[in-house]
N, C-alpha and C. Protein backbone atom coordinates (compact mmCIF):
# COMPACT_ATOMS: atom_id res chain seq x y z
N MET A 1 21.96 145.85 70.34
CA MET A 1 21.65 145.99 71.53
C MET A 1 20.89 147.18 72.14
N ARG A 2 19.67 147.18 72.73
CA ARG A 2 18.88 148.38 73.02
C ARG A 2 19.10 148.87 74.18
N LEU A 3 19.20 150.20 74.72
CA LEU A 3 19.69 151.06 75.89
C LEU A 3 18.33 151.68 76.53
N ILE A 4 18.34 151.13 77.69
CA ILE A 4 17.00 152.15 77.97
C ILE A 4 17.80 152.92 79.47
N VAL A 5 17.89 153.99 79.31
CA VAL A 5 17.44 154.92 80.47
C VAL A 5 16.67 155.62 81.54
N GLY A 6 16.48 155.16 82.54
CA GLY A 6 16.14 156.21 83.49
C GLY A 6 16.68 157.30 84.29
N ILE A 7 16.32 158.59 84.11
CA ILE A 7 16.83 159.91 85.03
C ILE A 7 16.17 159.69 86.40
N GLY A 8 17.28 160.16 87.07
CA GLY A 8 17.40 160.53 88.81
C GLY A 8 17.82 160.63 89.11
N ASN A 9 18.09 160.82 90.31
CA ASN A 9 19.35 161.46 91.61
C ASN A 9 19.45 159.97 92.35
N PRO A 10 20.75 159.27 91.98
CA PRO A 10 21.05 158.88 93.52
C PRO A 10 21.25 158.95 94.66
N GLY A 11 20.66 158.09 95.91
CA GLY A 11 20.72 158.59 97.21
C GLY A 11 19.46 157.97 97.60
N THR A 12 18.90 157.69 98.61
CA THR A 12 17.65 157.53 99.47
C THR A 12 17.08 158.52 99.70
N GLU A 13 17.68 160.26 99.94
CA GLU A 13 17.11 161.00 99.87
C GLU A 13 16.36 161.55 98.46
N TYR A 14 16.67 161.01 97.85
CA TYR A 14 15.24 161.36 96.54
C TYR A 14 14.77 160.06 96.29
N ASP A 15 14.87 159.00 97.06
CA ASP A 15 13.51 158.07 96.16
C ASP A 15 12.14 158.35 96.93
N ARG A 16 11.47 158.09 95.79
CA ARG A 16 10.17 158.51 95.38
C ARG A 16 9.95 160.03 95.02
N THR A 17 11.18 161.16 94.67
CA THR A 17 10.41 161.88 94.44
C THR A 17 10.14 162.75 93.15
N ARG A 18 10.06 163.50 92.72
CA ARG A 18 9.39 163.44 91.44
C ARG A 18 10.43 163.66 90.01
N HIS A 19 11.30 163.92 90.55
CA HIS A 19 12.69 163.98 89.56
C HIS A 19 13.09 162.72 89.52
N ASN A 20 12.47 161.60 90.28
CA ASN A 20 13.09 160.18 89.88
C ASN A 20 12.19 159.30 89.63
N VAL A 21 11.04 159.16 88.96
CA VAL A 21 9.90 158.70 88.26
C VAL A 21 10.78 157.51 87.06
N GLY A 22 11.67 158.02 86.64
CA GLY A 22 12.14 157.33 85.53
C GLY A 22 13.16 156.53 86.19
N PHE A 23 14.09 156.07 87.36
CA PHE A 23 14.49 155.39 87.96
C PHE A 23 13.33 154.25 88.74
N GLU A 24 12.51 154.66 88.98
CA GLU A 24 11.29 153.69 89.44
C GLU A 24 10.84 153.24 88.31
N ALA A 25 10.61 153.80 86.92
CA ALA A 25 10.04 152.80 85.99
C ALA A 25 11.09 151.95 85.47
N ILE A 26 12.75 151.91 85.53
CA ILE A 26 13.42 151.29 85.47
C ILE A 26 13.68 150.16 86.57
N ASP A 27 13.59 150.43 87.72
CA ASP A 27 13.26 149.17 88.97
C ASP A 27 11.93 148.41 88.44
N ARG A 28 10.99 149.13 88.05
CA ARG A 28 10.13 148.13 87.55
C ARG A 28 10.39 147.18 86.22
N LEU A 29 10.70 147.89 85.14
CA LEU A 29 11.15 147.06 84.00
C LEU A 29 11.69 145.95 84.36
N SER A 30 13.21 146.56 85.23
CA SER A 30 13.64 145.17 85.60
C SER A 30 13.26 143.95 86.18
N ARG A 31 12.58 143.85 87.01
CA ARG A 31 11.49 143.21 87.78
C ARG A 31 10.72 142.52 86.68
N ARG A 32 10.17 143.39 85.58
CA ARG A 32 9.44 142.75 84.70
C ARG A 32 10.38 141.51 83.37
N ILE A 33 11.11 142.20 82.77
CA ILE A 33 12.21 141.52 81.96
C ILE A 33 13.59 140.98 82.31
N ALA A 34 13.74 141.43 83.60
CA ALA A 34 15.30 140.38 84.58
C ALA A 34 14.91 140.32 85.62
N PRO A 35 14.03 139.41 85.91
CA PRO A 35 13.68 139.01 87.60
C PRO A 35 15.03 138.09 88.26
N GLY A 36 15.50 139.04 88.96
CA GLY A 36 16.25 138.16 90.08
C GLY A 36 17.58 139.10 89.71
N GLU A 37 17.52 139.65 88.70
CA GLU A 37 18.99 140.41 88.53
C GLU A 37 20.05 141.19 89.10
N ILE A 38 20.90 141.30 89.55
CA ILE A 38 21.71 141.98 90.36
C ILE A 38 22.22 143.41 89.42
N ALA A 39 22.24 144.81 89.86
CA ALA A 39 22.86 145.79 89.00
C ALA A 39 24.06 145.35 89.42
N ARG A 40 24.80 146.27 88.66
CA ARG A 40 26.28 146.18 89.00
C ARG A 40 26.67 147.69 88.09
N SER A 41 28.11 147.97 89.21
CA SER A 41 28.27 149.44 88.73
C SER A 41 29.05 149.23 87.98
N ARG A 42 28.96 150.47 86.14
CA ARG A 42 29.60 150.36 85.33
C ARG A 42 29.26 151.67 84.78
N PHE A 43 30.07 152.16 83.80
CA PHE A 43 29.40 153.41 83.32
C PHE A 43 29.49 154.77 84.03
N GLN A 44 29.40 154.81 85.41
CA GLN A 44 28.96 155.48 86.45
C GLN A 44 27.63 155.52 86.73
N ALA A 45 27.32 153.93 86.46
CA ALA A 45 25.87 154.20 86.49
C ALA A 45 25.32 152.43 87.37
N GLY A 46 24.29 152.30 87.64
CA GLY A 46 23.82 151.15 87.85
C GLY A 46 22.68 150.35 86.72
N VAL A 47 23.45 148.87 86.43
CA VAL A 47 23.47 148.59 85.16
C VAL A 47 23.01 147.25 85.40
N ILE A 48 21.50 146.86 84.29
CA ILE A 48 21.22 145.20 84.75
C ILE A 48 21.50 145.12 83.08
N GLU A 49 22.43 143.57 82.83
CA GLU A 49 21.82 143.27 81.39
C GLU A 49 21.22 142.17 80.99
N THR A 50 20.41 142.30 80.17
CA THR A 50 19.14 141.06 80.03
C THR A 50 19.14 140.74 78.82
N ARG A 51 18.40 139.73 78.22
CA ARG A 51 18.18 139.54 76.59
C ARG A 51 16.35 138.99 76.94
N LEU A 52 15.84 139.30 75.68
CA LEU A 52 14.65 139.58 75.09
C LEU A 52 14.58 138.57 73.67
N GLY A 53 15.05 137.42 73.58
CA GLY A 53 14.99 136.39 72.36
C GLY A 53 15.92 137.13 71.70
N ASP A 54 16.26 137.11 70.73
CA ASP A 54 17.89 137.72 70.00
C ASP A 54 18.02 138.94 71.06
N GLU A 55 17.40 140.03 71.51
CA GLU A 55 17.69 140.96 71.70
C GLU A 55 18.44 141.40 73.02
N LYS A 56 19.62 141.72 73.11
CA LYS A 56 20.39 141.80 74.21
C LYS A 56 20.06 143.34 74.76
N VAL A 57 19.37 143.86 75.60
CA VAL A 57 18.79 144.97 76.42
C VAL A 57 19.83 145.20 77.66
N LEU A 58 19.64 146.99 77.77
CA LEU A 58 20.82 147.42 78.86
C LEU A 58 20.00 148.10 79.41
N LEU A 59 19.42 148.14 80.39
CA LEU A 59 18.65 148.98 81.51
C LEU A 59 19.79 150.07 82.63
N LEU A 60 19.59 151.26 82.40
CA LEU A 60 21.06 151.89 82.92
C LEU A 60 20.37 153.15 84.09
N LYS A 61 20.71 153.10 84.95
CA LYS A 61 20.05 154.39 86.04
C LYS A 61 21.60 154.99 86.23
N PRO A 62 21.73 156.36 85.94
CA PRO A 62 22.70 156.99 85.60
C PRO A 62 23.31 157.55 87.48
N LEU A 63 24.23 157.64 88.07
CA LEU A 63 24.55 157.72 89.47
C LEU A 63 25.38 159.14 89.49
N THR A 64 25.12 160.23 88.06
CA THR A 64 25.98 161.06 87.81
C THR A 64 24.92 162.18 88.19
N PHE A 65 23.46 161.95 88.49
CA PHE A 65 23.13 163.17 89.08
C PHE A 65 22.42 163.50 88.02
N VAL A 66 21.04 164.08 87.69
CA VAL A 66 20.26 164.11 86.57
C VAL A 66 20.73 165.44 85.96
N ASN A 67 21.49 166.16 86.12
CA ASN A 67 21.99 167.27 85.65
C ASN A 67 23.36 166.95 84.52
N ARG A 68 23.94 165.51 85.27
CA ARG A 68 25.45 165.08 83.94
C ARG A 68 25.07 163.64 83.53
N SER A 69 23.35 163.27 83.21
CA SER A 69 22.84 162.68 82.67
C SER A 69 23.90 161.60 81.81
N GLY A 70 24.06 162.94 80.52
CA GLY A 70 24.25 162.51 79.42
C GLY A 70 26.11 161.89 79.60
N GLN A 71 26.75 162.44 80.51
CA GLN A 71 28.06 161.33 80.99
C GLN A 71 28.06 160.15 80.75
N THR A 72 27.21 159.72 81.71
CA THR A 72 26.78 158.14 81.59
C THR A 72 26.52 157.68 80.51
N VAL A 73 24.75 158.31 79.96
CA VAL A 73 24.45 157.69 78.25
C VAL A 73 25.84 157.25 77.21
N SER A 74 26.31 159.04 76.79
CA SER A 74 27.45 158.92 76.16
C SER A 74 28.63 157.45 76.19
N GLU A 75 29.18 157.09 77.55
CA GLU A 75 29.65 156.45 77.72
C GLU A 75 28.99 154.89 77.30
N ALA A 76 27.72 154.59 77.75
CA ALA A 76 27.40 153.45 76.96
C ALA A 76 27.12 153.53 75.79
N VAL A 77 26.92 154.80 75.47
CA VAL A 77 26.67 154.75 73.75
C VAL A 77 27.67 154.08 73.00
N ARG A 78 28.92 154.89 73.31
CA ARG A 78 30.28 154.66 72.25
C ARG A 78 30.76 153.54 72.49
N PHE A 79 30.60 153.20 73.83
CA PHE A 79 31.39 151.19 74.22
C PHE A 79 30.85 150.26 73.38
N TYR A 80 29.38 150.39 73.29
CA TYR A 80 28.52 149.40 72.46
C TYR A 80 28.44 149.79 71.04
N LYS A 81 29.07 151.51 70.82
CA LYS A 81 29.18 151.53 69.63
C LYS A 81 27.38 151.64 68.61
N LEU A 82 26.50 151.96 69.69
CA LEU A 82 25.06 151.82 69.56
C LEU A 82 24.66 153.79 68.29
N ASP A 83 23.30 153.02 67.89
CA ASP A 83 22.75 154.23 67.10
C ASP A 83 21.93 155.18 68.08
N PRO A 84 21.95 156.09 68.75
CA PRO A 84 21.06 156.72 69.54
C PRO A 84 19.61 156.58 68.90
N GLU A 85 19.40 156.92 67.65
CA GLU A 85 18.51 157.27 66.61
C GLU A 85 17.53 155.92 66.98
N SER A 86 18.30 154.68 66.66
CA SER A 86 17.25 153.49 66.96
C SER A 86 17.60 152.20 68.49
N ASP A 87 18.45 152.67 68.90
CA ASP A 87 18.88 151.78 70.15
C ASP A 87 19.09 152.91 71.69
N LEU A 88 18.38 153.64 71.43
CA LEU A 88 18.31 154.55 72.57
C LEU A 88 17.11 154.90 73.38
N LEU A 89 16.72 154.46 74.66
CA LEU A 89 15.43 155.45 75.10
C LEU A 89 15.35 155.58 76.52
N VAL A 90 14.82 156.75 76.76
CA VAL A 90 15.20 157.67 77.67
C VAL A 90 13.41 157.77 78.76
N LEU A 91 13.53 157.40 79.80
CA LEU A 91 12.57 157.72 80.70
C LEU A 91 12.60 158.53 81.91
N VAL A 92 11.63 159.93 81.54
CA VAL A 92 11.91 161.09 82.44
C VAL A 92 10.87 161.71 82.42
N ASP A 93 10.95 162.31 83.64
CA ASP A 93 9.76 163.14 84.36
C ASP A 93 9.53 164.30 83.82
N ASP A 94 8.37 164.83 83.54
CA ASP A 94 8.14 166.12 82.75
C ASP A 94 6.77 167.01 83.57
N THR A 95 7.24 168.24 83.98
CA THR A 95 6.18 169.22 84.43
C THR A 95 5.06 169.71 83.42
N ALA A 96 5.40 169.69 82.00
CA ALA A 96 4.39 169.82 81.05
C ALA A 96 3.36 168.92 81.18
N LEU A 97 3.68 167.70 81.47
CA LEU A 97 2.53 166.89 81.56
C LEU A 97 1.63 166.75 82.93
N THR A 98 0.35 166.51 82.86
CA THR A 98 -0.36 165.75 84.00
C THR A 98 0.03 165.10 84.60
N CYS A 99 -0.37 165.00 85.91
CA CYS A 99 0.76 163.88 86.60
C CYS A 99 0.12 162.51 85.98
N GLY A 100 0.80 161.92 86.11
CA GLY A 100 0.63 160.36 85.18
C GLY A 100 0.34 159.90 84.00
N ARG A 101 0.09 160.89 83.23
CA ARG A 101 -0.08 160.72 81.46
C ARG A 101 1.47 160.71 81.40
N VAL A 102 1.63 160.01 80.28
CA VAL A 102 2.65 159.07 79.63
C VAL A 102 2.88 160.03 78.36
N ARG A 103 4.13 160.53 77.50
CA ARG A 103 3.97 160.85 75.74
C ARG A 103 5.15 160.16 75.58
N VAL A 104 5.09 159.58 74.28
CA VAL A 104 6.18 158.70 73.87
C VAL A 104 7.04 159.78 72.19
N ARG A 105 8.55 159.64 72.80
CA ARG A 105 8.37 161.03 71.27
C ARG A 105 9.63 160.36 70.73
N GLU A 106 9.60 160.16 69.63
CA GLU A 106 10.97 159.66 68.58
C GLU A 106 12.32 160.05 68.80
N THR A 107 12.24 161.38 68.28
CA THR A 107 12.88 162.49 68.67
C THR A 107 12.22 164.45 69.37
N GLY A 108 12.87 165.07 70.05
CA GLY A 108 12.54 166.12 70.51
C GLY A 108 13.80 166.78 71.25
N GLY A 109 12.85 168.18 71.32
CA GLY A 109 13.97 168.81 71.89
C GLY A 109 13.70 168.03 73.51
N THR A 110 14.47 169.34 74.76
CA THR A 110 14.66 168.83 75.82
C THR A 110 13.64 169.28 76.71
N GLY A 111 12.98 170.13 76.12
CA GLY A 111 11.71 170.71 77.18
C GLY A 111 12.21 171.25 78.30
N GLY A 112 13.34 172.01 77.86
CA GLY A 112 14.17 172.57 79.53
C GLY A 112 14.12 171.65 80.61
N HIS A 113 14.47 170.41 80.13
CA HIS A 113 14.93 169.41 81.23
C HIS A 113 16.60 169.38 81.24
N ASN A 114 17.32 169.86 82.57
CA ASN A 114 18.34 169.63 82.19
C ASN A 114 19.34 168.18 82.10
N GLY A 115 18.62 167.13 82.27
CA GLY A 115 19.06 165.76 82.09
C GLY A 115 18.99 165.58 80.50
N LEU A 116 18.13 166.11 80.43
CA LEU A 116 17.65 165.59 78.49
C LEU A 116 18.62 166.31 77.91
N ARG A 117 18.73 167.83 78.33
CA ARG A 117 20.12 168.78 77.52
C ARG A 117 21.01 168.34 77.84
N ASP A 118 21.55 167.44 79.04
CA ASP A 118 22.62 166.92 78.90
C ASP A 118 23.06 165.99 77.75
N ILE A 119 22.28 165.17 78.16
CA ILE A 119 22.27 163.80 77.49
C ILE A 119 22.55 163.73 75.52
N SER A 120 21.56 165.35 75.29
CA SER A 120 21.38 165.78 73.88
C SER A 120 22.89 166.22 73.79
N ALA A 121 23.63 167.04 74.59
CA ALA A 121 24.84 167.93 74.49
C ALA A 121 25.97 166.75 74.51
N LYS A 122 25.87 165.80 74.84
CA LYS A 122 26.98 164.99 75.17
C LYS A 122 27.00 163.86 73.63
N LEU A 123 25.45 163.45 73.62
CA LEU A 123 25.52 162.83 71.90
C LEU A 123 25.91 163.61 70.78
N GLY A 124 25.78 164.88 70.90
CA GLY A 124 25.47 165.74 69.77
C GLY A 124 24.45 165.64 68.87
N THR A 125 23.59 164.87 69.31
CA THR A 125 21.80 164.85 68.81
C THR A 125 21.03 164.79 69.57
N ASP A 126 19.81 165.20 69.35
CA ASP A 126 18.68 165.03 69.87
C ASP A 126 17.66 163.77 68.98
N GLN A 127 18.03 163.27 68.27
CA GLN A 127 17.71 161.97 67.70
C GLN A 127 17.48 161.02 68.28
N TRP A 128 16.80 161.09 69.30
CA TRP A 128 17.17 159.67 70.54
C TRP A 128 15.25 159.41 71.27
N ALA A 129 14.25 158.57 71.28
CA ALA A 129 13.64 158.20 71.19
C ALA A 129 13.48 158.44 73.45
N ARG A 130 12.39 159.07 73.37
CA ARG A 130 11.94 159.03 75.11
C ARG A 130 10.56 159.14 75.45
N VAL A 131 10.04 158.79 76.87
CA VAL A 131 9.14 158.42 77.61
C VAL A 131 8.65 158.87 78.08
N ARG A 132 8.39 160.26 78.03
CA ARG A 132 8.13 161.45 79.17
C ARG A 132 6.66 161.08 80.12
N ILE A 133 6.80 160.84 81.30
CA ILE A 133 6.14 160.64 82.53
C ILE A 133 5.88 162.41 83.47
N GLY A 134 4.38 162.05 82.92
CA GLY A 134 4.03 163.93 83.76
C GLY A 134 3.79 163.63 85.36
N ILE A 135 4.10 165.07 85.64
CA ILE A 135 4.42 164.65 87.34
C ILE A 135 3.23 166.56 87.44
N ASP A 136 2.80 167.17 86.80
CA ASP A 136 2.40 168.32 87.10
C ASP A 136 3.31 169.53 86.70
N GLY A 137 2.71 170.19 87.20
CA GLY A 137 3.53 171.84 86.80
C GLY A 137 3.62 171.83 88.39
N PRO A 138 4.59 172.97 88.55
CA PRO A 138 4.88 173.39 90.03
C PRO A 138 3.95 174.08 90.68
N GLY A 139 2.88 174.94 90.08
CA GLY A 139 2.32 176.04 90.49
C GLY A 139 3.13 177.14 91.29
N GLU A 140 2.87 177.81 92.40
CA GLU A 140 3.62 178.59 92.64
C GLU A 140 4.64 178.32 93.58
N ILE A 141 5.12 177.15 93.68
CA ILE A 141 5.89 176.23 94.02
C ILE A 141 7.65 176.44 93.40
N PRO A 142 8.60 177.12 94.19
CA PRO A 142 10.06 177.04 92.77
C PRO A 142 10.27 175.42 92.41
N LEU A 143 10.55 175.66 91.03
CA LEU A 143 10.90 174.21 90.17
C LEU A 143 12.09 173.29 90.87
N SER A 144 12.71 173.74 91.53
CA SER A 144 13.80 173.04 92.22
C SER A 144 13.00 172.39 93.24
N SER A 145 12.31 173.20 94.54
CA SER A 145 12.00 172.48 95.43
C SER A 145 11.02 171.67 94.76
N TYR A 146 10.30 171.48 93.85
CA TYR A 146 9.19 171.07 93.11
C TYR A 146 9.38 169.16 93.08
N VAL A 147 10.78 169.60 91.53
CA VAL A 147 10.41 168.39 91.14
C VAL A 147 12.04 167.20 91.92
N LEU A 148 12.01 168.03 93.69
CA LEU A 148 12.73 167.25 94.23
C LEU A 148 12.50 166.98 95.34
N GLY A 149 10.97 167.66 95.68
CA GLY A 149 9.77 166.77 96.52
C GLY A 149 9.03 165.45 96.24
N ARG A 150 8.72 165.25 97.29
CA ARG A 150 7.52 163.95 96.79
C ARG A 150 5.91 163.89 96.45
N PHE A 151 5.89 163.27 96.09
CA PHE A 151 4.26 163.47 95.41
C PHE A 151 3.21 163.50 96.85
N ARG A 152 2.08 164.53 96.43
CA ARG A 152 1.18 164.71 97.16
C ARG A 152 0.75 163.51 96.93
N PRO A 153 -0.64 163.20 98.23
CA PRO A 153 -1.29 161.65 98.66
C PRO A 153 -1.87 162.19 97.31
N ASP A 154 -2.72 162.90 96.75
CA ASP A 154 -3.77 163.13 95.61
C ASP A 154 -3.00 163.08 94.06
N GLN A 155 -1.89 162.73 94.42
CA GLN A 155 -1.07 162.64 92.93
C GLN A 155 -0.55 161.16 92.66
N GLN A 156 -0.90 160.39 94.15
CA GLN A 156 -0.01 159.44 94.52
C GLN A 156 -0.30 158.05 93.33
N ASP A 157 -1.51 157.95 93.06
CA ASP A 157 -2.26 156.86 92.68
C ASP A 157 -2.06 156.84 90.79
N ALA A 158 -2.29 158.55 90.44
CA ALA A 158 -1.83 158.81 89.04
C ALA A 158 -0.43 158.62 88.95
N VAL A 159 0.53 158.69 89.34
CA VAL A 159 1.81 158.68 88.99
C VAL A 159 2.59 157.13 88.92
N ASP A 160 1.70 156.70 90.02
CA ASP A 160 1.97 155.02 90.05
C ASP A 160 1.59 154.41 88.56
N GLN A 161 0.28 154.69 88.23
CA GLN A 161 -0.37 154.34 86.84
C GLN A 161 0.57 154.81 85.81
N GLY A 162 0.88 156.16 85.59
CA GLY A 162 1.95 156.84 84.76
C GLY A 162 3.23 156.29 84.11
N ILE A 163 4.00 155.51 85.78
CA ILE A 163 4.83 154.64 85.85
C ILE A 163 4.78 153.60 85.36
N GLU A 164 3.46 152.89 85.59
CA GLU A 164 3.23 151.69 84.85
C GLU A 164 3.25 151.24 83.72
N GLN A 165 2.51 152.65 83.19
CA GLN A 165 2.50 152.67 81.50
C GLN A 165 3.70 152.79 80.87
N ALA A 166 4.07 153.88 81.59
CA ALA A 166 6.06 154.07 80.86
C ALA A 166 6.70 152.75 80.56
N VAL A 167 6.46 151.59 81.60
CA VAL A 167 6.82 150.26 81.44
C VAL A 167 6.69 149.97 80.90
N GLU A 168 5.42 149.82 80.29
CA GLU A 168 4.58 149.23 78.87
C GLU A 168 5.15 149.68 78.05
N ALA A 169 4.99 150.80 77.79
CA ALA A 169 5.72 151.82 76.71
C ALA A 169 7.09 151.23 76.37
N ALA A 170 8.21 151.27 77.17
CA ALA A 170 9.47 150.57 77.43
C ALA A 170 9.47 149.25 76.17
N ASN A 171 8.61 148.45 77.19
CA ASN A 171 8.64 146.90 76.50
C ASN A 171 7.76 147.44 75.04
N CYS A 172 7.07 147.42 74.91
CA CYS A 172 6.71 147.84 73.00
C CYS A 172 7.62 148.13 72.57
N TRP A 173 8.22 149.42 72.59
CA TRP A 173 9.55 149.82 72.01
C TRP A 173 10.27 148.79 71.31
N ILE A 174 10.94 147.65 73.07
CA ILE A 174 11.73 146.96 72.71
C ILE A 174 11.37 145.42 71.44
N ASN A 175 9.41 145.30 71.74
CA ASN A 175 9.35 143.83 70.66
C ASN A 175 8.79 144.50 69.75
N ARG A 176 8.40 146.22 69.69
CA ARG A 176 7.72 146.40 67.81
C ARG A 176 8.25 147.39 67.40
N GLY A 177 9.11 148.36 68.40
CA GLY A 177 9.96 149.74 67.72
C GLY A 177 8.87 151.05 68.08
N ILE A 178 9.64 152.12 67.82
CA ILE A 178 9.38 153.21 68.22
C ILE A 178 7.39 153.74 67.81
N THR A 179 7.78 153.28 66.34
CA THR A 179 6.54 153.92 65.74
C THR A 179 5.32 153.69 66.50
N ALA A 180 4.85 151.75 67.08
CA ALA A 180 3.87 151.06 67.36
C ALA A 180 3.58 151.71 69.00
N ALA A 181 4.81 152.10 69.31
CA ALA A 181 4.62 153.05 70.87
C ALA A 181 4.54 153.94 70.99
N MET A 182 4.34 154.69 69.99
CA MET A 182 3.89 156.21 69.94
C MET A 182 2.05 156.27 69.77
N ASN A 183 2.04 154.63 68.62
CA ASN A 183 0.50 154.77 68.17
C ASN A 183 -0.63 154.33 69.97
N ALA A 184 0.22 153.22 70.22
CA ALA A 184 -0.15 152.62 71.54
C ALA A 184 -0.31 153.77 72.64
N PHE A 185 0.19 154.29 73.19
CA PHE A 185 0.47 154.85 74.31
C PHE A 185 0.33 156.71 73.78
N ASN A 186 0.07 157.13 72.56
CA ASN A 186 -0.17 158.11 72.33
C ASN A 186 -1.63 158.55 71.71
N ALA A 187 -2.19 157.84 71.68
CA ALA A 187 -3.55 157.73 70.72
C ALA A 187 -4.23 158.68 71.75
N ASP A 188 -5.16 159.49 71.03
CA ASP A 188 -6.49 160.21 71.68
C ASP A 188 -6.19 160.37 73.14
N ARG A 189 -4.53 161.38 73.29
CA ARG A 189 -4.31 161.68 74.96
C ARG A 189 -3.79 162.71 74.59
N GLU A 190 -4.70 163.64 75.14
CA GLU A 190 -4.23 165.29 75.68
C GLU A 190 -3.38 165.23 76.80
N GLN A 191 -2.45 165.71 76.78
CA GLN A 191 -1.88 164.81 78.14
C GLN A 191 -1.16 166.90 79.08
N SER A 192 -0.94 167.62 77.97
CA SER A 192 -0.27 169.01 78.19
C SER A 192 -0.99 169.19 79.17
N SER A 193 -0.66 169.85 80.22
CA SER A 193 -0.96 170.72 81.21
C SER A 193 -0.21 172.17 81.10
N SER A 194 0.21 172.23 80.28
CA SER A 194 1.48 173.83 80.06
C SER A 194 2.01 173.35 78.92
N PRO A 195 2.44 174.17 78.32
CA PRO A 195 3.04 174.32 77.01
C PRO A 195 4.60 173.80 77.28
N GLU A 196 5.03 172.77 76.53
CA GLU A 196 6.90 172.11 76.99
C GLU A 196 7.19 173.28 77.71
N GLU A 197 7.55 173.99 76.75
CA GLU A 197 8.67 174.85 76.67
C GLU A 197 9.10 175.44 78.38
N THR A 198 7.46 174.96 79.22
CA THR A 198 7.91 175.64 80.10
C THR A 198 8.44 175.04 81.45
N ASN A 199 9.06 173.16 80.38
CA ASN A 199 9.41 172.72 81.79
C ASN A 199 10.86 172.84 81.58
N LYS A 200 11.39 173.29 83.08
CA LYS A 200 12.77 173.82 83.05
C LYS A 200 13.05 173.32 84.06
N ASN A 201 13.11 171.97 83.76
CA ASN A 201 13.42 170.94 85.19
C ASN A 201 15.25 171.12 85.22
N VAL A 202 15.75 171.34 86.92
CA VAL A 202 16.91 171.19 87.21
C VAL A 202 17.60 169.90 87.21
């Protein structure tokens, strides 16, 4: 089984906010690989199960809010006895990448992102794959206001393209593995607009 998690906040008030690009990527991926499937409530999340060939795929949107994403992820990992290093992929926003850029990582730190921090804490490891989706840095705007705000018109086309790239990267990971996804989506891309350590998302 493969588990793909999109990070975001539940509720219509958070739709299309910068912090919810992971949710949007999961929604697009589900329409591509599980058309017509209805999400059901499980693991304190919206869950869609599907199958690609011999591979069972679980798409998960935590309903515990960003800062407690690990609670949901760890429940699913334990229930299915998954190995995070090979079976888990997380789709997440990143203020350290320019808007619409993606970066696929096999493992890594949290970059200050509270959702990633909670997942690592609950799993007891940071050895799991992630696709980071750039949302630009906040500049002079307070970080919490920025990530919970909606994209400016001049950012919209770029972030839509980035979400689509993240969906393609996730699909590549399912079918060909993390190395192929990194080679396909990281090659010749200078994506950081600021050091990763400055990405202290709430």
